[in-house]
Amino acid sequence: MALIKNVKVGDRVELLDMNDSFSKLEKGAKGTVFKIEVDQDLIWVNWDNGEKLALLTDMDKFKVLTK
């Protein structure tokens, strides 16, 4: 939950690690946060490759990019 407090809608994020065999995302993928579900620990991202996929804050590793 602490990670969600540091992220806002509109922030750019970079994927560091994700264990999702159905996703085409790779380390270094970038996207823009469009929705945050605090109660589900989900950060929804419009990824630059066209995917709309949530980060699971307890499993996925990512960083917020400096503006």
C-alpha atoms as a PDB file:
ATOM      1  CA  MET A   1       0.000   0.000   0.000  1.00  0.00           C
ATOM      2  CA  ALA A   2       2.900   2.371   0.623  1.00  0.00           C
ATOM      3  CA  LEU A   3       3.782   2.227  -3.077  1.00  0.00           C
ATOM      4  CA  ILE A   4       0.316   3.389  -4.082  1.00  0.00           C
ATOM      5  CA  LYS A   5       0.655   6.508  -1.946  1.00  0.00           C
ATOM      6  CA  ASN A   6       3.696   7.509  -4.010  1.00  0.00           C
ATOM      7  CA  VAL A   7       1.887   7.160  -7.352  1.00  0.00           C
ATOM      8  CA  LYS A   8      -0.709   9.486  -8.907  1.00  0.00           C
ATOM      9  CA  VAL A   9      -2.886   9.291 -11.995  1.00  0.00           C
ATOM     10  CA  GLY A  10      -0.862  10.811 -14.825  1.00  0.00           C
ATOM     11  CA  ASP A  11       2.508   9.614 -13.491  1.00  0.00           C
ATOM     12  CA  ARG A  12       4.873   7.863 -15.886  1.00  0.00           C
ATOM     13  CA  VAL A  13       6.177   4.506 -14.668  1.00  0.00           C
ATOM     14  CA  GLU A  14       8.841   2.066 -15.817  1.00  0.00           C
ATOM     15  CA  LEU A  15       8.523  -1.681 -15.361  1.00  0.00           C
ATOM     16  CA  LEU A  16      11.415  -3.332 -13.536  1.00  0.00           C
ATOM     17  CA  ASP A  17       9.974  -6.841 -13.106  1.00  0.00           C
ATOM     18  CA  MET A  18       6.633  -8.576 -13.728  1.00  0.00           C
ATOM     19  CA  ASN A  19       5.758 -12.268 -13.595  1.00  0.00           C
ATOM     20  CA  ASP A  20       2.906 -12.412 -16.131  1.00  0.00           C
ATOM     21  CA  SER A  21       3.305 -14.917 -18.967  1.00  0.00           C
ATOM     22  CA  PHE A  22       0.290 -13.491 -20.852  1.00  0.00           C
ATOM     23  CA  SER A  23       1.709  -9.972 -21.099  1.00  0.00           C
ATOM     24  CA  LYS A  24       4.042  -8.756 -23.841  1.00  0.00           C
ATOM     25  CA  LEU A  25       5.593  -6.264 -21.430  1.00  0.00           C
ATOM     26  CA  GLU A  26       9.313  -6.508 -20.819  1.00  0.00           C
ATOM     27  CA  LYS A  27      11.681  -4.920 -18.349  1.00  0.00           C
ATOM     28  CA  GLY A  28      12.064  -1.250 -19.223  1.00  0.00           C
ATOM     29  CA  ALA A  29       8.516  -0.856 -20.600  1.00  0.00           C
ATOM     30  CA  LYS A  30       7.034   2.562 -19.884  1.00  0.00           C
ATOM     31  CA  GLY A  31       3.481   3.765 -19.477  1.00  0.00           C
ATOM     32  CA  THR A  32       1.123   6.275 -17.894  1.00  0.00           C
ATOM     33  CA  VAL A  33      -1.007   5.595 -14.811  1.00  0.00           C
ATOM     34  CA  PHE A  34      -4.726   6.074 -15.571  1.00  0.00           C
ATOM     35  CA  LYS A  35      -6.435   4.541 -12.528  1.00  0.00           C
ATOM     36  CA  ILE A  36      -5.518   3.476  -8.997  1.00  0.00           C
ATOM     37  CA  GLU A  37      -7.509   0.944  -6.980  1.00  0.00           C
ATOM     38  CA  VAL A  38      -6.154   1.288  -3.451  1.00  0.00           C
ATOM     39  CA  ASP A  39      -8.459  -1.396  -2.019  1.00  0.00           C
ATOM     40  CA  GLN A  40      -7.177  -3.940  -4.591  1.00  0.00           C
ATOM     41  CA  ASP A  41      -3.520  -2.774  -4.559  1.00  0.00           C
ATOM     42  CA  LEU A  42      -3.712  -2.176  -8.336  1.00  0.00           C
ATOM     43  CA  ILE A  43      -2.136   0.573 -10.401  1.00  0.00           C
ATOM     44  CA  TRP A  44      -3.654   0.585 -13.897  1.00  0.00           C
ATOM     45  CA  VAL A  45      -1.289   1.672 -16.650  1.00  0.00           C
ATOM     46  CA  ASN A  46      -1.703   2.561 -20.325  1.00  0.00           C
ATOM     47  CA  TRP A  47       1.555   1.056 -21.527  1.00  0.00           C
ATOM     48  CA  ASP A  48       3.307   2.630 -24.498  1.00  0.00           C
ATOM     49  CA  ASN A  49       3.011  -0.682 -26.425  1.00  0.00           C
ATOM     50  CA  GLY A  50      -0.801  -0.353 -26.345  1.00  0.00           C
ATOM     51  CA  GLU A  51      -1.512  -2.733 -23.451  1.00  0.00           C
ATOM     52  CA  LYS A  52      -3.735  -1.678 -20.576  1.00  0.00           C
ATOM     53  CA  LEU A  53      -2.531  -3.737 -17.644  1.00  0.00           C
ATOM     54  CA  ALA A  54      -2.418  -3.210 -13.901  1.00  0.00           C
ATOM     55  CA  LEU A  55       0.654  -3.404 -11.742  1.00  0.00           C
ATOM     56  CA  LEU A  56       0.139  -5.583  -8.675  1.00  0.00           C
ATOM     57  CA  THR A  57       1.868  -3.564  -5.984  1.00  0.00           C
ATOM     58  CA  ASP A  58       2.688  -6.585  -3.836  1.00  0.00           C
ATOM     59  CA  MET A  59       4.280  -8.560  -6.725  1.00  0.00           C
ATOM     60  CA  ASP A  60       5.440  -6.314  -9.579  1.00  0.00           C
ATOM     61  CA  LYS A  61       8.468  -4.061  -9.391  1.00  0.00           C
ATOM     62  CA  PHE A  62       8.371  -0.627 -10.998  1.00  0.00           C
ATOM     63  CA  LYS A  63       9.562   2.900 -10.533  1.00  0.00           C
ATOM     64  CA  VAL A  64       7.926   6.281 -11.002  1.00  0.00           C
ATOM     65  CA  LEU A  65       9.853   8.310 -13.553  1.00  0.00           C
ATOM     66  CA  THR A  66      11.036  11.778 -12.617  1.00  0.00           C
ATOM     67  CA  LYS A  67       9.176  14.515 -14.452  1.00  0.00           C
END
